[in-house]
Amino acid sequence: MNLRLTDEETEALRRRAEQEGRSMQEVARAAIDQYVSQRPARLRAAIERVRIEDAELLARLAR
């Protein structure tokens, strides 16, 4: 897999890696791992938010 970043993204990744004393690859992989592992929780939270915020609309659609 090749990941193409903009110049700005590359520079931000480089700065973060330097701050943490890690390689750019380590930082990118950690970010991907965190994103992937938290996806189910974020999805549940988004569904709950829609359920609460759009309760009236959902009730009307259910009729």
N, C-alpha and C. Protein backbone atom coordinates (compact mmCIF):
# COMPACT_ATOMS: atom_id res chain seq x y z
N MET A 1 0.83 -1.17 0.00
CA MET A 1 0.00 0.00 0.00
C MET A 1 0.88 1.24 0.00
N ASN A 2 0.52 2.19 -0.80
CA ASN A 2 1.20 3.48 -0.82
C ASN A 2 0.24 4.53 -0.29
N LEU A 3 0.73 5.36 0.59
CA LEU A 3 -0.07 6.43 1.15
C LEU A 3 0.50 7.75 0.64
N ARG A 4 -0.31 8.46 -0.09
CA ARG A 4 0.15 9.73 -0.65
C ARG A 4 -0.39 10.87 0.22
N LEU A 5 0.53 11.64 0.76
CA LEU A 5 0.18 12.77 1.62
C LEU A 5 0.51 14.07 0.90
N THR A 6 -0.21 15.11 1.28
CA THR A 6 0.15 16.43 0.77
C THR A 6 1.45 16.85 1.44
N ASP A 7 2.05 17.90 0.91
CA ASP A 7 3.28 18.41 1.53
C ASP A 7 3.01 18.85 2.97
N GLU A 8 1.84 19.45 3.19
CA GLU A 8 1.50 19.91 4.53
C GLU A 8 1.30 18.74 5.49
N GLU A 9 0.65 17.68 5.02
CA GLU A 9 0.45 16.49 5.86
C GLU A 9 1.78 15.82 6.18
N THR A 10 2.65 15.75 5.19
CA THR A 10 3.97 15.15 5.40
C THR A 10 4.76 15.93 6.43
N GLU A 11 4.72 17.25 6.31
CA GLU A 11 5.46 18.08 7.26
C GLU A 11 4.89 17.96 8.67
N ALA A 12 3.58 17.92 8.80
CA ALA A 12 2.96 17.75 10.12
C ALA A 12 3.33 16.40 10.72
N LEU A 13 3.33 15.38 9.90
CA LEU A 13 3.71 14.04 10.36
C LEU A 13 5.18 14.02 10.77
N ARG A 14 6.02 14.67 10.00
CA ARG A 14 7.44 14.74 10.31
C ARG A 14 7.66 15.45 11.65
N ARG A 15 6.99 16.58 11.84
CA ARG A 15 7.14 17.32 13.10
C ARG A 15 6.70 16.48 14.29
N ARG A 16 5.54 15.81 14.15
CA ARG A 16 5.03 14.99 15.27
C ARG A 16 6.00 13.86 15.58
N ALA A 17 6.51 13.21 14.54
CA ALA A 17 7.45 12.11 14.75
C ALA A 17 8.70 12.61 15.47
N GLU A 18 9.19 13.76 15.07
CA GLU A 18 10.37 14.32 15.73
C GLU A 18 10.07 14.65 17.19
N GLN A 19 8.91 15.22 17.47
CA GLN A 19 8.53 15.56 18.84
C GLN A 19 8.47 14.32 19.72
N GLU A 20 8.00 13.22 19.15
CA GLU A 20 7.83 11.99 19.92
C GLU A 20 9.05 11.08 19.87
N GLY A 21 10.04 11.44 19.07
CA GLY A 21 11.24 10.62 18.96
C GLY A 21 10.97 9.28 18.28
N ARG A 22 10.03 9.29 17.36
CA ARG A 22 9.68 8.07 16.62
C ARG A 22 9.77 8.33 15.14
N SER A 23 9.69 7.26 14.36
CA SER A 23 9.70 7.42 12.91
C SER A 23 8.32 7.86 12.43
N MET A 24 8.30 8.44 11.25
CA MET A 24 7.03 8.85 10.66
C MET A 24 6.13 7.63 10.48
N GLN A 25 6.71 6.50 10.10
CA GLN A 25 5.92 5.29 9.92
C GLN A 25 5.29 4.84 11.23
N GLU A 26 6.03 4.89 12.31
CA GLU A 26 5.48 4.50 13.61
C GLU A 26 4.30 5.39 14.01
N VAL A 27 4.45 6.69 13.80
CA VAL A 27 3.38 7.62 14.16
C VAL A 27 2.15 7.38 13.29
N ALA A 28 2.34 7.20 12.00
CA ALA A 28 1.22 6.96 11.08
C ALA A 28 0.51 5.65 11.42
N ARG A 29 1.27 4.60 11.68
CA ARG A 29 0.65 3.32 12.01
C ARG A 29 -0.12 3.39 13.33
N ALA A 30 0.41 4.11 14.30
CA ALA A 30 -0.29 4.26 15.58
C ALA A 30 -1.60 5.02 15.37
N ALA A 31 -1.57 6.05 14.53
CA ALA A 31 -2.79 6.82 14.26
C ALA A 31 -3.83 5.95 13.57
N ILE A 32 -3.40 5.15 12.63
CA ILE A 32 -4.33 4.25 11.92
C ILE A 32 -4.90 3.23 12.89
N ASP A 33 -4.06 2.66 13.72
CA ASP A 33 -4.52 1.68 14.70
C ASP A 33 -5.55 2.29 15.64
N GLN A 34 -5.30 3.50 16.11
CA GLN A 34 -6.24 4.17 17.01
C GLN A 34 -7.56 4.43 16.28
N TYR A 35 -7.51 4.89 15.07
CA TYR A 35 -8.72 5.18 14.30
C TYR A 35 -9.54 3.91 14.09
N VAL A 36 -8.89 2.86 13.68
CA VAL A 36 -9.58 1.61 13.39
C VAL A 36 -10.18 1.01 14.65
N SER A 37 -9.45 1.03 15.73
CA SER A 37 -9.93 0.39 16.95
C SER A 37 -11.08 1.15 17.60
N GLN A 38 -11.20 2.44 17.36
CA GLN A 38 -12.25 3.23 17.96
C GLN A 38 -13.47 3.38 17.06
N ARG A 39 -13.43 2.85 15.86
CA ARG A 39 -14.53 3.03 14.92
C ARG A 39 -15.87 2.52 15.45
N PRO A 40 -15.95 1.32 16.02
CA PRO A 40 -17.25 0.86 16.53
C PRO A 40 -17.83 1.78 17.59
N ALA A 41 -17.01 2.30 18.46
CA ALA A 41 -17.51 3.20 19.51
C ALA A 41 -17.99 4.51 18.90
N ARG A 42 -17.25 5.03 17.92
CA ARG A 42 -17.67 6.27 17.27
C ARG A 42 -18.97 6.07 16.51
N LEU A 43 -19.12 4.91 15.87
CA LEU A 43 -20.34 4.62 15.13
C LEU A 43 -21.53 4.54 16.07
N ARG A 44 -21.39 3.84 17.19
CA ARG A 44 -22.47 3.76 18.17
C ARG A 44 -22.84 5.14 18.69
N ALA A 45 -21.84 5.97 18.97
CA ALA A 45 -22.09 7.32 19.47
C ALA A 45 -22.83 8.15 18.43
N ALA A 46 -22.46 8.02 17.17
CA ALA A 46 -23.13 8.77 16.10
C ALA A 46 -24.58 8.32 15.95
N ILE A 47 -24.82 7.03 16.01
CA ILE A 47 -26.19 6.51 15.90
C ILE A 47 -27.03 7.01 17.07
N GLU A 48 -26.48 6.99 18.26
CA GLU A 48 -27.20 7.46 19.44
C GLU A 48 -27.51 8.95 19.32
N ARG A 49 -26.55 9.72 18.82
CA ARG A 49 -26.75 11.16 18.64
C ARG A 49 -27.90 11.42 17.67
N VAL A 50 -27.93 10.69 16.56
CA VAL A 50 -29.02 10.84 15.58
C VAL A 50 -30.34 10.43 16.22
N ARG A 51 -30.35 9.33 16.96
CA ARG A 51 -31.57 8.86 17.61
C ARG A 51 -32.15 9.91 18.54
N ILE A 52 -31.29 10.58 19.29
CA ILE A 52 -31.74 11.59 20.24
C ILE A 52 -32.14 12.89 19.51
N GLU A 53 -31.25 13.37 18.65
CA GLU A 53 -31.49 14.66 18.00
C GLU A 53 -32.66 14.60 17.02
N ASP A 54 -32.87 13.47 16.40
CA ASP A 54 -33.92 13.35 15.38
C ASP A 54 -35.07 12.46 15.84
N ALA A 55 -35.29 12.38 17.15
CA ALA A 55 -36.33 11.50 17.69
C ALA A 55 -37.70 11.81 17.10
N GLU A 56 -38.03 13.09 17.00
CA GLU A 56 -39.34 13.46 16.47
C GLU A 56 -39.48 13.03 15.01
N LEU A 57 -38.49 13.29 14.21
CA LEU A 57 -38.53 12.90 12.81
C LEU A 57 -38.63 11.39 12.67
N LEU A 58 -37.85 10.65 13.43
CA LEU A 58 -37.88 9.20 13.37
C LEU A 58 -39.25 8.65 13.76
N ALA A 59 -39.87 9.28 14.76
CA ALA A 59 -41.21 8.85 15.19
C ALA A 59 -42.21 9.09 14.06
N ARG A 60 -42.12 10.23 13.39
CA ARG A 60 -43.04 10.50 12.29
C ARG A 60 -42.81 9.54 11.13
N LEU A 61 -41.58 9.22 10.85
CA LEU A 61 -41.28 8.29 9.77
C LEU A 61 -41.77 6.87 10.09
N ALA A 62 -41.83 6.53 11.36
CA ALA A 62 -42.26 5.20 11.77
C ALA A 62 -43.76 5.01 11.67
N ARG A 63 -44.51 6.10 11.57
CA ARG A 63 -45.98 6.01 11.48
C ARG A 63 -46.44 5.52 10.14
